[in-house]
């Protein structure tokens, strides 16, 4: 079942109101004055307190002065909830000007073209009226800008694909393309980081590591950086 808990007078923590909003006991409401309340279920519980939501499998709520402590009984970790502090922190974030962007860097990414590394190269050449080598030359000629990360971890959308090799996405997506695939569609280019289906055109492959989850800075690119491609083979 899912449990929602709210506090009336969060500053003083006078009472804690617990309402079962889903499950067999749905509709049950308890106003508890005890200093310790244990919420245990066979499913994950969602506990709402003031402005925060904390998910716990088996937890207790304890008074700590003007605060409520939500503690996972399966571990020693706990989360303090304070409605006033949360609201003040949010207001400070809203009022704070964004940090200046870092100076853009230029990255050079080696690409292998041809054969199994370029499953769509011939099709792109056919649709654009160019020879395969002219498609490759156009891809290498451009300087790309990192516009945004999205869709999948490490997927950096690079703007700057030259007009002569721009194509809309294919009508039918391909079920699987390997990590490192160099794909184009419209005015953008992407270096894939995981194996997944796509409707973009794969014209090359790079073995440069774009994402490293264990690194202090997991992503190779920052927003606003520039990318150039160079031929690896």
Protein backbone atom coordinates (compact mmCIF):
# COMPACT_ATOMS: atom_id res chain seq x y z
CA UNK A 1 0.00 0.00 0.00
CA UNK A 2 1.03 3.64 -0.35
CA UNK A 3 1.02 5.89 2.69
CA UNK A 4 0.94 9.67 2.62
CA UNK A 5 1.79 11.63 5.75
CA UNK A 6 1.40 15.34 6.30
CA UNK A 7 1.99 17.57 9.30
CA UNK A 8 -0.27 20.35 10.50
CA UNK A 9 1.71 23.26 11.91
CA UNK A 10 4.99 21.94 10.53
CA UNK A 11 7.00 24.52 12.54
CA UNK A 12 5.74 23.18 15.86
CA UNK A 13 4.99 19.64 14.66
CA UNK A 14 1.87 19.47 16.82
CA UNK A 15 0.36 16.39 15.17
CA UNK A 16 1.19 14.06 12.32
CA UNK A 17 -1.62 13.10 9.99
CA UNK A 18 -1.24 9.78 8.17
CA UNK A 19 -3.65 8.80 5.45
CA UNK A 20 -3.67 5.50 3.58
CA UNK A 21 -4.38 6.52 -0.01
CA UNK A 22 -4.01 3.15 -1.74
CA UNK A 23 -4.20 -0.53 -0.90
CA UNK A 24 -6.63 -2.62 1.16
CA UNK A 25 -6.80 -0.02 3.95
CA UNK A 26 -7.44 2.88 1.60
CA UNK A 27 -9.32 5.72 3.27
CA UNK A 28 -7.98 5.10 6.78
CA UNK A 29 -6.86 8.30 8.49
CA UNK A 30 -4.87 8.61 11.74
CA UNK A 31 -3.95 11.75 13.68
CA UNK A 32 -0.97 10.64 15.74
CA UNK A 33 0.49 12.51 18.68
CA UNK A 34 3.15 9.94 19.50
CA UNK A 35 6.81 10.80 19.13
CA UNK A 36 7.49 7.71 17.04
CA UNK A 37 5.38 6.24 14.24
CA UNK A 38 6.40 3.15 12.30
CA UNK A 39 5.14 2.63 8.75
CA UNK A 40 5.76 -0.87 7.46
CA UNK A 41 4.35 -2.52 4.35
CA UNK A 42 5.21 -5.34 1.97
CA UNK A 43 5.46 -2.78 -0.84
CA UNK A 44 7.33 0.49 -1.19
CA UNK A 45 5.71 3.30 0.76
CA UNK A 46 5.68 6.94 -0.23
CA UNK A 47 5.76 9.35 2.71
CA UNK A 48 4.90 12.96 1.97
CA UNK A 49 5.99 15.53 4.53
CA UNK A 50 5.70 19.26 3.83
CA UNK A 51 7.48 20.03 0.54
CA UNK A 52 9.42 16.79 0.15
CA UNK A 53 8.59 13.23 -0.82
CA UNK A 54 10.59 10.34 0.61
CA UNK A 55 10.17 6.74 -0.51
CA UNK A 56 10.93 4.03 2.04
CA UNK A 57 10.20 0.29 2.18
CA UNK A 58 9.86 0.19 5.98
CA UNK A 59 10.29 3.43 7.88
CA UNK A 60 9.65 5.30 11.08
CA UNK A 61 8.78 8.96 11.62
CA UNK A 62 10.30 10.55 14.70
CA UNK A 63 9.95 14.05 16.12
CA UNK A 64 13.20 16.03 16.38
CA UNK A 65 12.17 19.42 17.71
CA UNK A 66 10.61 21.38 14.86
CA UNK A 67 11.66 18.69 12.41
CA UNK A 68 10.49 15.25 11.39
CA UNK A 69 13.02 12.50 10.76
CA UNK A 70 12.08 9.80 8.25
CA UNK A 71 14.37 6.81 8.80
CA UNK A 72 14.65 3.64 6.75
CA UNK A 73 14.50 0.82 9.28
CA UNK A 74 16.55 -1.34 6.96
CA UNK A 75 19.56 0.96 7.32
CA UNK A 76 20.99 3.72 9.47
CA UNK A 77 20.29 6.42 6.93
CA UNK A 78 17.70 9.09 7.65
CA UNK A 79 16.26 12.15 5.99
CA UNK A 80 15.31 15.27 7.93
CA UNK A 81 12.25 17.10 6.64
CA UNK A 82 11.67 20.72 7.56
CA UNK A 83 8.96 22.53 5.62
CA UNK A 84 10.24 26.01 6.43
CA UNK A 85 13.83 25.19 5.45
CA UNK A 86 12.71 23.54 2.20
CA UNK A 87 10.66 26.59 1.18
CA UNK A 88 13.53 28.97 2.02
CA UNK A 89 16.02 26.86 0.06
CA UNK A 90 13.75 26.82 -2.99
CA UNK A 91 13.30 30.59 -2.85
CA UNK A 92 17.07 31.09 -2.66
CA UNK A 93 17.56 28.87 -5.71
CA UNK A 94 14.94 30.83 -7.64
CA UNK A 95 16.57 34.16 -6.77
CA UNK A 96 20.13 33.01 -7.43
CA UNK A 97 21.49 33.93 -10.89
CA UNK A 98 22.72 30.95 -12.90
CA UNK A 99 26.49 30.36 -12.87
CA UNK A 100 28.37 31.55 -15.95
CA UNK A 101 28.91 28.82 -18.53
CA UNK A 102 32.47 27.44 -18.80
CA UNK A 103 34.62 28.52 -21.71
CA UNK A 104 33.82 26.18 -24.63
CA UNK A 105 36.37 23.53 -25.54
CA UNK A 106 37.09 21.99 -28.93
CA UNK A 107 37.02 18.17 -28.99
CA UNK A 108 38.38 16.04 -31.83
CA UNK A 109 36.66 12.66 -32.23
CA UNK A 110 38.20 9.94 -34.45
CA UNK A 111 35.68 8.12 -36.66
CA UNK A 112 35.90 4.86 -38.59
CA UNK A 113 33.98 5.01 -41.90
CA UNK A 114 33.02 2.23 -44.26
CA UNK A 115 31.92 -1.38 -44.05
CA UNK A 116 30.07 -2.48 -40.90
CA UNK A 117 30.88 0.86 -39.26
CA UNK A 118 28.72 2.73 -41.80
CA UNK A 119 25.54 0.70 -42.40
CA UNK A 120 23.63 3.70 -43.81
CA UNK A 121 26.42 5.44 -45.72
CA UNK A 122 25.36 4.13 -49.13
CA UNK A 123 21.72 5.08 -48.51
CA UNK A 124 22.67 8.59 -47.42
CA UNK A 125 24.80 8.95 -50.54
CA UNK A 126 21.94 7.76 -52.73
CA UNK A 127 19.36 10.07 -51.13
CA UNK A 128 21.61 13.14 -51.23
CA UNK A 129 22.97 12.50 -54.72
CA UNK A 130 26.53 12.37 -53.46
CA UNK A 131 29.22 9.73 -53.59
CA UNK A 132 29.95 7.96 -50.25
CA UNK A 133 33.32 9.70 -50.02
CA UNK A 134 31.60 13.07 -50.53
CA UNK A 135 29.23 12.29 -47.64
CA UNK A 136 32.23 11.50 -45.43
CA UNK A 137 34.01 14.68 -46.55
CA UNK A 138 30.94 16.77 -45.70
CA UNK A 139 30.70 15.18 -42.27
CA UNK A 140 34.38 15.89 -41.59
CA UNK A 141 34.15 19.45 -42.89
CA UNK A 142 31.66 20.76 -40.32
CA UNK A 143 32.29 22.09 -36.83
CA UNK A 144 29.54 20.95 -34.45
CA UNK A 145 28.19 22.60 -31.29
CA UNK A 146 26.94 20.70 -28.23
CA UNK A 147 23.38 21.95 -27.79
CA UNK A 148 21.81 19.62 -25.23
CA UNK A 149 22.00 16.22 -23.55
CA UNK A 150 18.88 14.09 -23.73
CA UNK A 151 17.00 10.93 -24.64
CA UNK A 152 19.65 8.56 -23.23
CA UNK A 153 22.69 8.91 -20.92
CA UNK A 154 25.49 10.78 -22.65
CA UNK A 155 23.48 11.53 -25.80
CA UNK A 156 24.88 14.93 -26.80
CA UNK A 157 22.90 16.57 -29.59
CA UNK A 158 25.42 18.26 -31.89
CA UNK A 159 24.21 20.97 -34.23
CA UNK A 160 26.01 21.85 -37.44
CA UNK A 161 25.47 19.09 -40.00
CA UNK A 162 26.03 20.62 -43.43
CA UNK A 163 22.98 21.20 -45.60
CA UNK A 164 24.13 18.88 -48.39
CA UNK A 165 23.96 15.75 -46.20
CA UNK A 166 20.86 16.64 -44.16
CA UNK A 167 18.09 14.06 -44.28
CA UNK A 168 14.89 13.57 -42.24
CA UNK A 169 14.79 10.57 -39.96
CA UNK A 170 14.05 7.28 -41.67
CA UNK A 171 10.42 6.11 -41.82
CA UNK A 172 11.11 2.81 -40.04
CA UNK A 173 13.57 2.72 -37.11
CA UNK A 174 16.31 0.11 -37.03
CA UNK A 175 16.04 -2.20 -34.03
CA UNK A 176 19.63 -1.98 -32.79
CA UNK A 177 22.72 0.14 -33.33
CA UNK A 178 25.91 -0.33 -31.23
CA UNK A 179 27.49 2.26 -28.91
CA UNK A 180 29.75 4.71 -30.70
CA UNK A 181 27.56 4.92 -33.78
CA UNK A 182 27.85 8.30 -35.52
CA UNK A 183 24.34 9.24 -36.60
CA UNK A 184 22.89 12.18 -38.50
CA UNK A 185 19.33 13.44 -39.01
CA UNK A 186 18.23 16.92 -40.01
CA UNK A 187 20.85 19.41 -38.88
CA UNK A 188 22.10 17.31 -35.98
CA UNK A 189 24.60 14.59 -35.23
CA UNK A 190 24.85 12.18 -32.27
CA UNK A 191 27.48 9.76 -30.98
CA UNK A 192 25.54 6.93 -29.34
CA UNK A 193 26.56 5.63 -25.92
CA UNK A 194 24.35 2.53 -25.61
CA UNK A 195 22.89 -0.13 -27.88
CA UNK A 196 19.37 0.94 -28.82
CA UNK A 197 16.97 1.37 -31.76
CA UNK A 198 17.09 4.52 -33.86
CA UNK A 199 15.62 6.20 -36.90
CA UNK A 200 18.78 8.24 -37.55
CA UNK A 201 21.32 7.48 -40.30
CA UNK A 202 24.53 5.77 -39.14
CA UNK A 203 27.48 6.83 -41.27
CA UNK A 204 30.43 5.91 -39.04
CA UNK A 205 31.58 4.67 -35.66
CA UNK A 206 33.89 6.01 -32.96
CA UNK A 207 35.43 4.12 -30.07
CA UNK A 208 36.08 7.31 -28.11
CA UNK A 209 34.45 7.10 -24.66
CA UNK A 210 31.81 9.81 -24.42
CA UNK A 211 30.49 8.86 -20.97
CA UNK A 212 32.29 7.43 -17.93
CA UNK A 213 29.89 6.95 -15.00
CA UNK A 214 32.75 6.54 -12.50
CA UNK A 215 34.60 9.73 -13.47
CA UNK A 216 34.21 12.98 -11.47
CA UNK A 217 32.89 14.52 -14.70
CA UNK A 218 30.97 11.67 -16.38
CA UNK A 219 30.37 13.42 -19.72
CA UNK A 220 33.16 14.23 -22.15
CA UNK A 221 31.38 17.32 -23.51
CA UNK A 222 30.00 20.39 -21.77
CA UNK A 223 27.07 22.27 -23.23
CA UNK A 224 28.40 24.85 -25.66
CA UNK A 225 31.55 22.88 -26.50
CA UNK A 226 32.61 22.35 -30.12
CA UNK A 227 33.25 19.00 -31.81
CA UNK A 228 35.23 18.16 -34.93
CA UNK A 229 35.49 14.69 -36.45
CA UNK A 230 38.64 13.22 -37.96
CA UNK A 231 39.05 10.06 -40.01
CA UNK A 232 40.51 7.20 -38.00
CA UNK A 233 41.12 4.68 -40.77
